[in-house]
Amino acid sequence: MQQKIVIYSALTRLWGNKNTTRQPHGTLSANGSGKLRDFTPEALAYIRSLGATHVWYIGLLEHATKTDYSAQGIRPDHPDTVKGQAGSPYAVKDYYDVDPDLAEDPYTRQAELDALIKRTHQAGLQVLMDFIPNHVARTYHSDACPEGVADLGATDDVQLAFSPRNNFYYLPDTSLILPLSTESSPYTECPARATGNDCFSPYPSITDWYETVKLNYGVDYCGGSGLHADPIPDTWVKMRDILCYWAARGVDGFRCDMTELVPPAFWAWAIPSVRKQYPKTLFLAEIYQPHRYGEYLHAGFDYLYDKV
């Protein structure tokens, strides 16, 4: 029988931040950020003393931000595609990299994360991280991916609204118009791509997830031809490989964001594939439709949750 787990969730950029400025719309230099190093052995021992078995470190991955890290080789994000100053931890810009805001030294952010994983394990805790499979930042670009890994969208045929070989959905012959434009040179995207919350329009609204782009798992939403899963879509392979990459780094499990926006068939293929190499990997699904619970449990998830 599986042991009951207790998850301690921590928004990493907030958890250890003792800066009290709290300037509205403030920059990193003004308001500060929590750091990976703030999870000291003593802090982790305290978390363990509460009865926790896992720590869900929210927002570990590099995401779109208005903070300029070009000196560290990270492409700047267009401000029109970032919500707030820090940006959303769920608008991931590089699945293989660490949010530099969380590092004491942005140049050593990968090593600092490895050290945190080690400290967590030494405290008798397991590491959960976010896996955001449905959408990425509009400015997604991986500069930390392993050699030979093609970037998302790098080989897409952008003239096709849908292809199971594409990583994104396109709106041919359109240009993206964002709801907010603060720059003299607005963000340009042509053809426009579908927005993360299933908005297949070049005019996402202020309430849409306009800073994100939806990933294509082989479902032809607009054409109505259903799921195309034979051969396995390219997005499936790339996302499975991301899971394996982090499992190899010592991550014990994944809190999977907005699971129900990704077809169950992907999970039923990916979860067993990951567990062939890392059999104890835990999968936790964020899901809000009770009538679909069975689909995702049968696809391999250990736990489902609804935070509402």
C-alpha atoms as a PDB file:
ATOM      1  CA  MET A   1       0.000   0.000   0.000  1.00  0.00           C
ATOM      2  CA  GLN A   2       1.340   3.423  -0.981  1.00  0.00           C
ATOM      3  CA  GLN A   3       2.387   5.608   1.931  1.00  0.00           C
ATOM      4  CA  LYS A   4       0.359   8.770   2.431  1.00  0.00           C
ATOM      5  CA  ILE A   5       2.263  11.815   1.267  1.00  0.00           C
ATOM      6  CA  VAL A   6       2.231  15.344   2.678  1.00  0.00           C
ATOM      7  CA  ILE A   7       3.315  18.084   0.282  1.00  0.00           C
ATOM      8  CA  TYR A   8       4.749  21.391   1.487  1.00  0.00           C
ATOM      9  CA  SER A   9       4.332  23.925  -1.331  1.00  0.00           C
ATOM     10  CA  ALA A  10       6.599  26.962  -1.505  1.00  0.00           C
ATOM     11  CA  LEU A  11       6.603  29.777  -4.049  1.00  0.00           C
ATOM     12  CA  THR A  12      10.363  29.824  -4.258  1.00  0.00           C
ATOM     13  CA  ARG A  13      10.796  33.479  -5.220  1.00  0.00           C
ATOM     14  CA  LEU A  14       8.667  34.549  -2.236  1.00  0.00           C
ATOM     15  CA  TRP A  15       9.540  31.999   0.456  1.00  0.00           C
ATOM     16  CA  GLY A  16      12.867  33.393   1.646  1.00  0.00           C
ATOM     17  CA  ASN A  17      12.530  37.007   0.550  1.00  0.00           C
ATOM     18  CA  LYS A  18      12.955  39.262   3.590  1.00  0.00           C
ATOM     19  CA  ASN A  19      12.854  42.480   1.553  1.00  0.00           C
ATOM     20  CA  THR A  20       9.986  44.624   2.873  1.00  0.00           C
ATOM     21  CA  THR A  21       9.927  47.324   0.175  1.00  0.00           C
ATOM     22  CA  ARG A  22       6.843  45.915  -1.586  1.00  0.00           C
ATOM     23  CA  GLN A  23       6.921  48.537  -4.286  1.00  0.00           C
ATOM     24  CA  PRO A  24       3.952  48.087  -6.657  1.00  0.00           C
ATOM     25  CA  HIS A  25       5.206  46.910 -10.040  1.00  0.00           C
ATOM     26  CA  GLY A  26       8.675  46.978  -8.503  1.00  0.00           C
ATOM     27  CA  THR A  27      11.798  45.606 -10.102  1.00  0.00           C
ATOM     28  CA  LEU A  28      13.967  42.779  -8.822  1.00  0.00           C
ATOM     29  CA  SER A  29      16.467  45.278  -7.427  1.00  0.00           C
ATOM     30  CA  ALA A  30      13.694  47.121  -5.564  1.00  0.00           C
ATOM     31  CA  ASN A  31      11.663  44.231  -4.165  1.00  0.00           C
ATOM     32  CA  GLY A  32      14.162  41.403  -4.112  1.00  0.00           C
ATOM     33  CA  SER A  33      13.482  37.693  -4.517  1.00  0.00           C
ATOM     34  CA  GLY A  34      13.738  34.539  -2.507  1.00  0.00           C
ATOM     35  CA  LYS A  35      16.718  32.354  -3.357  1.00  0.00           C
ATOM     36  CA  LEU A  36      17.353  28.637  -3.594  1.00  0.00           C
ATOM     37  CA  ARG A  37      19.908  29.020  -0.818  1.00  0.00           C
ATOM     38  CA  ASP A  38      17.151  30.169   1.575  1.00  0.00           C
ATOM     39  CA  PHE A  39      16.090  26.549   1.913  1.00  0.00           C
ATOM     40  CA  THR A  40      18.856  25.837   4.395  1.00  0.00           C
ATOM     41  CA  PRO A  41      19.321  22.476   6.139  1.00  0.00           C
ATOM     42  CA  GLU A  42      17.640  24.040   9.185  1.00  0.00           C
ATOM     43  CA  ALA A  43      14.668  25.279   7.159  1.00  0.00           C
ATOM     44  CA  LEU A  44      14.255  21.906   5.488  1.00  0.00           C
ATOM     45  CA  ALA A  45      14.490  20.126   8.839  1.00  0.00           C
ATOM     46  CA  TYR A  46      11.661  22.344  10.076  1.00  0.00           C
ATOM     47  CA  ILE A  47       9.552  21.488   7.025  1.00  0.00           C
ATOM     48  CA  ARG A  48      10.226  17.808   7.673  1.00  0.00           C
ATOM     49  CA  SER A  49       9.212  18.249  11.332  1.00  0.00           C
ATOM     50  CA  LEU A  50       5.771  19.375  10.169  1.00  0.00           C
ATOM     51  CA  GLY A  51       5.240  15.908   8.739  1.00  0.00           C
ATOM     52  CA  ALA A  52       5.951  16.826   5.132  1.00  0.00           C
ATOM     53  CA  THR A  53       7.292  14.134   2.828  1.00  0.00           C
ATOM     54  CA  HIS A  54       7.739  16.298  -0.287  1.00  0.00           C
ATOM     55  CA  VAL A  55       8.553  19.919  -1.074  1.00  0.00           C
ATOM     56  CA  TRP A  56       6.890  21.347  -4.157  1.00  0.00           C
ATOM     57  CA  TYR A  57       9.242  24.128  -5.245  1.00  0.00           C
ATOM     58  CA  ILE A  58       7.013  26.408  -7.301  1.00  0.00           C
ATOM     59  CA  GLY A  59       8.591  28.335 -10.148  1.00  0.00           C
ATOM     60  CA  LEU A  60      12.008  26.711 -10.537  1.00  0.00           C
ATOM     61  CA  LEU A  61      12.115  26.891 -14.321  1.00  0.00           C
ATOM     62  CA  GLU A  62      13.303  29.883 -16.314  1.00  0.00           C
ATOM     63  CA  HIS A  63      10.305  31.948 -17.364  1.00  0.00           C
ATOM     64  CA  ALA A  64       9.605  35.190 -19.181  1.00  0.00           C
ATOM     65  CA  THR A  65      10.533  38.286 -17.171  1.00  0.00           C
ATOM     66  CA  LYS A  66      11.276  41.972 -17.585  1.00  0.00           C
ATOM     67  CA  THR A  67      14.581  41.584 -15.749  1.00  0.00           C
ATOM     68  CA  ASP A  68      17.460  41.691 -18.217  1.00  0.00           C
ATOM     69  CA  TYR A  69      19.746  38.653 -18.065  1.00  0.00           C
ATOM     70  CA  SER A  70      21.348  39.126 -21.471  1.00  0.00           C
ATOM     71  CA  ALA A  71      24.770  39.247 -19.770  1.00  0.00           C
ATOM     72  CA  GLN A  72      24.161  35.624 -18.779  1.00  0.00           C
ATOM     73  CA  GLY A  73      23.317  34.686 -22.361  1.00  0.00           C
ATOM     74  CA  ILE A  74      19.536  34.728 -21.868  1.00  0.00           C
ATOM     75  CA  ARG A  75      17.526  36.463 -24.552  1.00  0.00           C
ATOM     76  CA  PRO A  76      15.522  39.416 -23.194  1.00  0.00           C
ATOM     77  CA  ASP A  77      11.740  39.112 -23.314  1.00  0.00           C
ATOM     78  CA  HIS A  78       9.581  41.698 -25.009  1.00  0.00           C
ATOM     79  CA  PRO A  79       7.739  43.520 -22.187  1.00  0.00           C
ATOM     80  CA  ASP A  80       4.404  43.176 -23.990  1.00  0.00           C
ATOM     81  CA  THR A  81       4.632  39.413 -23.431  1.00  0.00           C
ATOM     82  CA  VAL A  82       5.305  39.573 -19.678  1.00  0.00           C
ATOM     83  CA  LYS A  83       2.676  40.019 -16.978  1.00  0.00           C
ATOM     84  CA  GLY A  84       4.023  42.193 -14.186  1.00  0.00           C
ATOM     85  CA  GLN A  85       7.748  42.707 -13.699  1.00  0.00           C
ATOM     86  CA  ALA A  86       8.848  39.269 -12.549  1.00  0.00           C
ATOM     87  CA  GLY A  87       6.562  37.430 -14.964  1.00  0.00           C
ATOM     88  CA  SER A  88       4.501  34.320 -14.405  1.00  0.00           C
ATOM     89  CA  PRO A  89       6.317  31.138 -13.318  1.00  0.00           C
ATOM     90  CA  TYR A  90       3.897  29.363 -15.649  1.00  0.00           C
ATOM     91  CA  ALA A  91       5.125  31.148 -18.772  1.00  0.00           C
ATOM     92  CA  VAL A  92       8.209  28.955 -19.120  1.00  0.00           C
ATOM     93  CA  LYS A  93      10.925  30.226 -21.456  1.00  0.00           C
ATOM     94  CA  ASP A  94      13.320  27.297 -21.169  1.00  0.00           C
ATOM     95  CA  TYR A  95      12.264  23.880 -19.868  1.00  0.00           C
ATOM     96  CA  TYR A  96      15.910  22.969 -19.326  1.00  0.00           C
ATOM     97  CA  ASP A  97      16.994  26.024 -17.348  1.00  0.00           C
ATOM     98  CA  VAL A  98      16.571  27.527 -13.883  1.00  0.00           C
ATOM     99  CA  ASP A  99      14.987  30.892 -13.075  1.00  0.00           C
ATOM    100  CA  PRO A 100      18.010  33.190 -12.598  1.00  0.00           C
ATOM    101  CA  ASP A 101      16.059  35.319 -10.089  1.00  0.00           C
ATOM    102  CA  LEU A 102      16.361  32.405  -7.650  1.00  0.00           C
ATOM    103  CA  ALA A 103      20.141  32.130  -7.813  1.00  0.00           C
ATOM    104  CA  GLU A 104      22.616  33.916  -5.587  1.00  0.00           C
ATOM    105  CA  ASP A 105      24.763  34.093  -8.717  1.00  0.00           C
ATOM    106  CA  PRO A 106      22.782  33.714 -11.967  1.00  0.00           C
ATOM    107  CA  TYR A 107      25.844  32.189 -13.629  1.00  0.00           C
ATOM    108  CA  THR A 108      25.759  29.255 -11.175  1.00  0.00           C
ATOM    109  CA  ARG A 109      21.985  28.741 -11.124  1.00  0.00           C
ATOM    110  CA  GLN A 110      22.172  25.133 -12.326  1.00  0.00           C
ATOM    111  CA  ALA A 111      24.681  24.170  -9.640  1.00  0.00           C
ATOM    112  CA  GLU A 112      22.625  25.987  -7.008  1.00  0.00           C
ATOM    113  CA  LEU A 113      19.575  23.930  -7.954  1.00  0.00           C
ATOM    114  CA  ASP A 114      21.579  20.703  -7.789  1.00  0.00           C
ATOM    115  CA  ALA A 115      22.698  21.718  -4.295  1.00  0.00           C
ATOM    116  CA  LEU A 116      19.081  22.367  -3.258  1.00  0.00           C
ATOM    117  CA  ILE A 117      18.004  18.951  -4.513  1.00  0.00           C
ATOM    118  CA  LYS A 118      20.822  17.374  -2.516  1.00  0.00           C
ATOM    119  CA  ARG A 119      19.922  19.315   0.657  1.00  0.00           C
ATOM    120  CA  THR A 120      16.285  18.343   0.288  1.00  0.00           C
ATOM    121  CA  HIS A 121      17.138  14.664   0.037  1.00  0.00           C
ATOM    122  CA  GLN A 122      19.525  14.897   2.977  1.00  0.00           C
ATOM    123  CA  ALA A 123      16.636  16.309   5.038  1.00  0.00           C
ATOM    124  CA  GLY A 124      14.595  13.193   4.313  1.00  0.00           C
ATOM    125  CA  LEU A 125      12.334  14.994   1.846  1.00  0.00           C
ATOM    126  CA  GLN A 126      11.580  14.478  -1.824  1.00  0.00           C
ATOM    127  CA  VAL A 127      11.574  17.119  -4.546  1.00  0.00           C
ATOM    128  CA  LEU A 128       8.522  18.021  -6.607  1.00  0.00           C
ATOM    129  CA  MET A 129       8.755  20.539  -9.416  1.00  0.00           C
ATOM    130  CA  ASP A 130       6.255  22.011 -11.838  1.00  0.00           C
ATOM    131  CA  PHE A 131       5.845  20.455 -15.250  1.00  0.00           C
ATOM    132  CA  ILE A 132       3.878  22.889 -17.398  1.00  0.00           C
ATOM    133  CA  PRO A 133       2.945  20.827 -20.455  1.00  0.00           C
ATOM    134  CA  ASN A 134       0.152  22.838 -22.060  1.00  0.00           C
ATOM    135  CA  HIS A 135       1.830  26.140 -22.881  1.00  0.00           C
ATOM    136  CA  VAL A 136       5.098  28.057 -22.968  1.00  0.00           C
ATOM    137  CA  ALA A 137       6.131  31.710 -23.036  1.00  0.00           C
ATOM    138  CA  ARG A 138       5.662  33.414 -26.388  1.00  0.00           C
ATOM    139  CA  THR A 139       9.396  34.071 -26.384  1.00  0.00           C
ATOM    140  CA  TYR A 140      10.335  30.450 -25.621  1.00  0.00           C
ATOM    141  CA  HIS A 141      13.929  29.655 -26.498  1.00  0.00           C
ATOM    142  CA  SER A 142      16.095  27.028 -24.846  1.00  0.00           C
ATOM    143  CA  ASP A 143      19.753  27.910 -24.500  1.00  0.00           C
ATOM    144  CA  ALA A 144      20.346  25.185 -21.894  1.00  0.00           C
ATOM    145  CA  CYS A 145      18.967  22.122 -23.674  1.00  0.00           C
ATOM    146  CA  PRO A 146      21.250  19.115 -24.182  1.00  0.00           C
ATOM    147  CA  GLU A 147      23.204  18.974 -27.414  1.00  0.00           C
ATOM    148  CA  GLY A 148      21.112  17.682 -30.281  1.00  0.00           C
ATOM    149  CA  VAL A 149      17.750  18.722 -28.806  1.00  0.00           C
ATOM    150  CA  ALA A 150      15.699  20.776 -31.273  1.00  0.00           C
ATOM    151  CA  ASP A 151      13.881  23.790 -29.871  1.00  0.00           C
ATOM    152  CA  LEU A 152      10.095  23.822 -29.729  1.00  0.00           C
ATOM    153  CA  GLY A 153       8.761  25.099 -33.027  1.00  0.00           C
ATOM    154  CA  ALA A 154      12.143  24.992 -34.758  1.00  0.00           C
ATOM    155  CA  THR A 155      10.947  22.648 -37.513  1.00  0.00           C
ATOM    156  CA  ASP A 156       7.277  23.679 -37.632  1.00  0.00           C
ATOM    157  CA  ASP A 157       5.556  24.388 -40.942  1.00  0.00           C
ATOM    158  CA  VAL A 158       4.066  27.741 -39.972  1.00  0.00           C
ATOM    159  CA  GLN A 159       1.838  27.810 -43.055  1.00  0.00           C
ATOM    160  CA  LEU A 160      -0.274  25.000 -41.595  1.00  0.00           C
ATOM    161  CA  ALA A 161      -2.888  25.780 -38.967  1.00  0.00           C
ATOM    162  CA  PHE A 162      -2.485  22.225 -37.705  1.00  0.00           C
ATOM    163  CA  SER A 163      -0.023  19.432 -38.279  1.00  0.00           C
ATOM    164  CA  PRO A 164       0.764  16.613 -35.828  1.00  0.00           C
ATOM    165  CA  ARG A 165       4.416  17.295 -36.644  1.00  0.00           C
ATOM    166  CA  ASN A 166       4.178  20.899 -35.440  1.00  0.00           C
ATOM    167  CA  ASN A 167       4.775  21.916 -31.829  1.00  0.00           C
ATOM    168  CA  PHE A 168       2.463  24.941 -32.008  1.00  0.00           C
ATOM    169  CA  TYR A 169      -0.892  25.860 -33.546  1.00  0.00           C
ATOM    170  CA  TYR A 170      -0.819  28.618 -36.156  1.00  0.00           C
ATOM    171  CA  LEU A 171      -3.338  31.139 -37.452  1.00  0.00           C
ATOM    172  CA  PRO A 172      -2.125  31.568 -41.054  1.00  0.00           C
ATOM    173  CA  ASP A 173      -2.233  35.002 -42.661  1.00  0.00           C
ATOM    174  CA  THR A 174      -2.752  36.773 -39.343  1.00  0.00           C
ATOM    175  CA  SER A 175      -0.640  38.895 -37.035  1.00  0.00           C
ATOM    176  CA  LEU A 176      -0.921  38.757 -33.270  1.00  0.00           C
ATOM    177  CA  ILE A 177      -2.446  41.798 -31.586  1.00  0.00           C
ATOM    178  CA  LEU A 178      -1.823  41.769 -27.844  1.00  0.00           C
ATOM    179  CA  PRO A 179      -4.267  43.471 -25.447  1.00  0.00           C
ATOM    180  CA  LEU A 180      -1.562  45.681 -23.936  1.00  0.00           C
ATOM    181  CA  SER A 181       1.264  47.449 -25.713  1.00  0.00           C
ATOM    182  CA  THR A 182       3.678  49.541 -23.686  1.00  0.00           C
ATOM    183  CA  GLU A 183       6.545  49.879 -26.132  1.00  0.00           C
ATOM    184  CA  SER A 184       7.136  52.119 -29.106  1.00  0.00           C
ATOM    185  CA  SER A 185       7.947  48.956 -31.069  1.00  0.00           C
ATOM    186  CA  PRO A 186       5.180  46.425 -30.287  1.00  0.00           C
ATOM    187  CA  TYR A 187       5.774  42.697 -30.112  1.00  0.00           C
ATOM    188  CA  THR A 188       5.303  41.077 -33.512  1.00  0.00           C
ATOM    189  CA  GLU A 189       4.213  37.517 -34.256  1.00  0.00           C
ATOM    190  CA  CYS A 190       3.237  36.523 -37.780  1.00  0.00           C
ATOM    191  CA  PRO A 191       1.565  34.192 -38.247  1.00  0.00           C
ATOM    192  CA  ALA A 192      -0.071  34.419 -34.853  1.00  0.00           C
ATOM    193  CA  ARG A 193      -0.058  31.307 -32.683  1.00  0.00           C
ATOM    194  CA  ALA A 194      -2.876  29.992 -30.496  1.00  0.00           C
ATOM    195  CA  THR A 195      -2.808  31.259 -26.914  1.00  0.00           C
ATOM    196  CA  GLY A 196      -2.342  28.891 -23.970  1.00  0.00           C
ATOM    197  CA  ASN A 197      -5.925  28.802 -22.697  1.00  0.00           C
ATOM    198  CA  ASP A 198      -7.221  27.431 -26.020  1.00  0.00           C
ATOM    199  CA  CYS A 199      -7.724  30.877 -27.527  1.00  0.00           C
ATOM    200  CA  PHE A 200      -7.486  30.309 -31.282  1.00  0.00           C
ATOM    201  CA  SER A 201      -7.648  33.979 -32.204  1.00  0.00           C
ATOM    202  CA  PRO A 202      -4.987  36.539 -33.137  1.00  0.00           C
ATOM    203  CA  TYR A 203      -6.697  38.921 -30.697  1.00  0.00           C
ATOM    204  CA  PRO A 204      -6.365  37.439 -27.202  1.00  0.00           C
ATOM    205  CA  SER A 205      -8.071  39.485 -24.508  1.00  0.00           C
ATOM    206  CA  ILE A 206      -6.665  40.835 -21.268  1.00  0.00           C
ATOM    207  CA  THR A 207      -8.206  37.862 -19.436  1.00  0.00           C
ATOM    208  CA  ASP A 208      -6.611  35.303 -21.749  1.00  0.00           C
ATOM    209  CA  TRP A 209      -3.208  33.765 -21.058  1.00  0.00           C
ATOM    210  CA  TYR A 210      -1.891  36.039 -23.789  1.00  0.00           C
ATOM    211  CA  GLU A 211       1.732  35.765 -22.629  1.00  0.00           C
ATOM    212  CA  THR A 212       1.715  32.058 -23.522  1.00  0.00           C
ATOM    213  CA  VAL A 213       1.449  29.837 -26.594  1.00  0.00           C
ATOM    214  CA  LYS A 214      -0.446  26.552 -26.596  1.00  0.00           C
ATOM    215  CA  LEU A 215       1.497  23.386 -27.383  1.00  0.00           C
ATOM    216  CA  ASN A 216       0.231  20.937 -29.993  1.00  0.00           C
ATOM    217  CA  TYR A 217      -0.187  17.337 -28.805  1.00  0.00           C
ATOM    218  CA  GLY A 218      -1.746  16.148 -32.042  1.00  0.00           C
ATOM    219  CA  VAL A 219      -5.313  17.295 -31.387  1.00  0.00           C
ATOM    220  CA  ASP A 220      -6.920  19.079 -34.336  1.00  0.00           C
ATOM    221  CA  TYR A 221      -9.171  21.453 -32.402  1.00  0.00           C
ATOM    222  CA  CYS A 222     -10.242  23.701 -35.265  1.00  0.00           C
ATOM    223  CA  GLY A 223     -10.337  21.121 -38.050  1.00  0.00           C
ATOM    224  CA  GLY A 224     -12.353  18.653 -36.007  1.00  0.00           C
ATOM    225  CA  SER A 225     -10.366  15.578 -37.058  1.00  0.00           C
ATOM    226  CA  GLY A 226      -9.585  14.542 -33.479  1.00  0.00           C
ATOM    227  CA  LEU A 227      -6.345  13.150 -32.083  1.00  0.00           C
ATOM    228  CA  HIS A 228      -3.478  12.211 -34.400  1.00  0.00           C
ATOM    229  CA  ALA A 229      -1.181   9.963 -32.343  1.00  0.00           C
ATOM    230  CA  ASP A 230       0.227   7.547 -34.933  1.00  0.00           C
ATOM    231  CA  PRO A 231       3.048   8.203 -35.472  1.00  0.00           C
ATOM    232  CA  ILE A 232       3.813   9.662 -32.056  1.00  0.00           C
ATOM    233  CA  PRO A 233       3.676  13.484 -32.329  1.00  0.00           C
ATOM    234  CA  ASP A 234       6.946  15.350 -32.031  1.00  0.00           C
ATOM    235  CA  THR A 235       5.675  17.321 -29.024  1.00  0.00           C
ATOM    236  CA  TRP A 236       5.083  14.074 -27.092  1.00  0.00           C
ATOM    237  CA  VAL A 237       8.693  13.019 -27.530  1.00  0.00           C
ATOM    238  CA  LYS A 238      10.123  16.411 -26.598  1.00  0.00           C
ATOM    239  CA  MET A 239       8.006  16.698 -23.465  1.00  0.00           C
ATOM    240  CA  ARG A 240       8.760  13.134 -22.355  1.00  0.00           C
ATOM    241  CA  ASP A 241      12.452  13.877 -22.746  1.00  0.00           C
ATOM    242  CA  ILE A 242      12.115  16.973 -20.546  1.00  0.00           C
ATOM    243  CA  LEU A 243      10.578  14.852 -17.784  1.00  0.00           C
ATOM    244  CA  CYS A 244      13.416  12.333 -18.058  1.00  0.00           C
ATOM    245  CA  TYR A 245      16.010  15.117 -17.975  1.00  0.00           C
ATOM    246  CA  TRP A 246      14.767  16.398 -14.625  1.00  0.00           C
ATOM    247  CA  ALA A 247      14.256  12.936 -13.177  1.00  0.00           C
ATOM    248  CA  ALA A 248      17.908  12.257 -14.013  1.00  0.00           C
ATOM    249  CA  ARG A 249      18.834  15.445 -12.124  1.00  0.00           C
ATOM    250  CA  GLY A 250      17.223  14.042  -8.968  1.00  0.00           C
ATOM    251  CA  VAL A 251      13.682  15.407  -9.147  1.00  0.00           C
ATOM    252  CA  ASP A 252      11.393  12.851  -7.505  1.00  0.00           C
ATOM    253  CA  GLY A 253       8.093  13.890  -9.011  1.00  0.00           C
ATOM    254  CA  PHE A 254       6.127  16.391 -11.022  1.00  0.00           C
ATOM    255  CA  ARG A 255       3.127  18.544 -10.248  1.00  0.00           C
ATOM    256  CA  CYS A 256       1.593  18.688 -13.712  1.00  0.00           C
ATOM    257  CA  ASP A 257      -0.044  22.011 -14.487  1.00  0.00           C
ATOM    258  CA  MET A 258      -3.523  22.135 -16.088  1.00  0.00           C
ATOM    259  CA  THR A 259      -3.335  18.440 -16.885  1.00  0.00           C
ATOM    260  CA  GLU A 260      -6.788  18.294 -18.448  1.00  0.00           C
ATOM    261  CA  LEU A 261      -5.722  20.611 -21.297  1.00  0.00           C
ATOM    262  CA  VAL A 262      -3.382  17.864 -22.527  1.00  0.00           C
ATOM    263  CA  PRO A 263      -4.904  14.648 -23.967  1.00  0.00           C
ATOM    264  CA  PRO A 264      -4.932  11.584 -21.658  1.00  0.00           C
ATOM    265  CA  ALA A 265      -3.289   9.584 -24.442  1.00  0.00           C
ATOM    266  CA  PHE A 266      -0.088  11.576 -23.996  1.00  0.00           C
ATOM    267  CA  TRP A 267       0.066  10.827 -20.282  1.00  0.00           C
ATOM    268  CA  ALA A 268      -0.722   7.152 -20.842  1.00  0.00           C
ATOM    269  CA  TRP A 269       2.290   7.027 -23.166  1.00  0.00           C
ATOM    270  CA  ALA A 270       4.686   9.364 -21.337  1.00  0.00           C
ATOM    271  CA  ILE A 271       4.275   8.287 -17.702  1.00  0.00           C
ATOM    272  CA  PRO A 272       5.136   4.598 -18.279  1.00  0.00           C
ATOM    273  CA  SER A 273       7.977   5.706 -20.554  1.00  0.00           C
ATOM    274  CA  VAL A 274       9.485   7.860 -17.798  1.00  0.00           C
ATOM    275  CA  ARG A 275       8.985   5.126 -15.214  1.00  0.00           C
ATOM    276  CA  LYS A 276      10.896   2.600 -17.295  1.00  0.00           C
ATOM    277  CA  GLN A 277      13.989   4.620 -16.402  1.00  0.00           C
ATOM    278  CA  TYR A 278      12.843   6.202 -13.122  1.00  0.00           C
ATOM    279  CA  PRO A 279      10.266   3.820 -11.641  1.00  0.00           C
ATOM    280  CA  LYS A 280       9.537   5.780  -8.465  1.00  0.00           C
ATOM    281  CA  THR A 281       8.682   9.055 -10.190  1.00  0.00           C
ATOM    282  CA  LEU A 282       5.514  10.589  -8.746  1.00  0.00           C
ATOM    283  CA  PHE A 283       2.945  12.301 -10.957  1.00  0.00           C
ATOM    284  CA  LEU A 284       0.422  14.728  -9.474  1.00  0.00           C
ATOM    285  CA  ALA A 285      -2.260  16.211 -11.748  1.00  0.00           C
ATOM    286  CA  GLU A 286      -3.971  19.577 -11.435  1.00  0.00           C
ATOM    287  CA  ILE A 287      -7.491  18.903 -12.735  1.00  0.00           C
ATOM    288  CA  TYR A 288     -10.876  20.599 -12.293  1.00  0.00           C
ATOM    289  CA  GLN A 289     -13.363  18.335 -14.093  1.00  0.00           C
ATOM    290  CA  PRO A 290     -14.499  15.497 -11.781  1.00  0.00           C
ATOM    291  CA  HIS A 291     -16.074  13.574 -14.657  1.00  0.00           C
ATOM    292  CA  ARG A 292     -12.571  13.224 -16.155  1.00  0.00           C
ATOM    293  CA  TYR A 293     -10.807  11.956 -13.035  1.00  0.00           C
ATOM    294  CA  GLY A 294     -10.969   8.347 -14.226  1.00  0.00           C
ATOM    295  CA  GLU A 295      -9.287   9.147 -17.545  1.00  0.00           C
ATOM    296  CA  TYR A 296      -6.244  10.639 -15.872  1.00  0.00           C
ATOM    297  CA  LEU A 297      -5.965   8.070 -13.101  1.00  0.00           C
ATOM    298  CA  HIS A 298      -6.013   5.342 -15.734  1.00  0.00           C
ATOM    299  CA  ALA A 299      -3.368   7.285 -17.675  1.00  0.00           C
ATOM    300  CA  GLY A 300      -0.946   6.720 -14.797  1.00  0.00           C
ATOM    301  CA  PHE A 301      -1.260   9.608 -12.349  1.00  0.00           C
ATOM    302  CA  ASP A 302      -0.679   8.822  -8.682  1.00  0.00           C
ATOM    303  CA  TYR A 303      -2.781  11.701  -7.388  1.00  0.00           C
ATOM    304  CA  LEU A 304      -5.224  14.303  -8.683  1.00  0.00           C
ATOM    305  CA  TYR A 305      -6.005  17.594  -7.003  1.00  0.00           C
ATOM    306  CA  ASP A 306      -8.361  20.537  -7.365  1.00  0.00           C
ATOM    307  CA  LYS A 307      -7.279  23.669  -5.518  1.00  0.00           C
ATOM    308  CA  VAL A 308     -10.631  25.448  -5.871  1.00  0.00           C
END
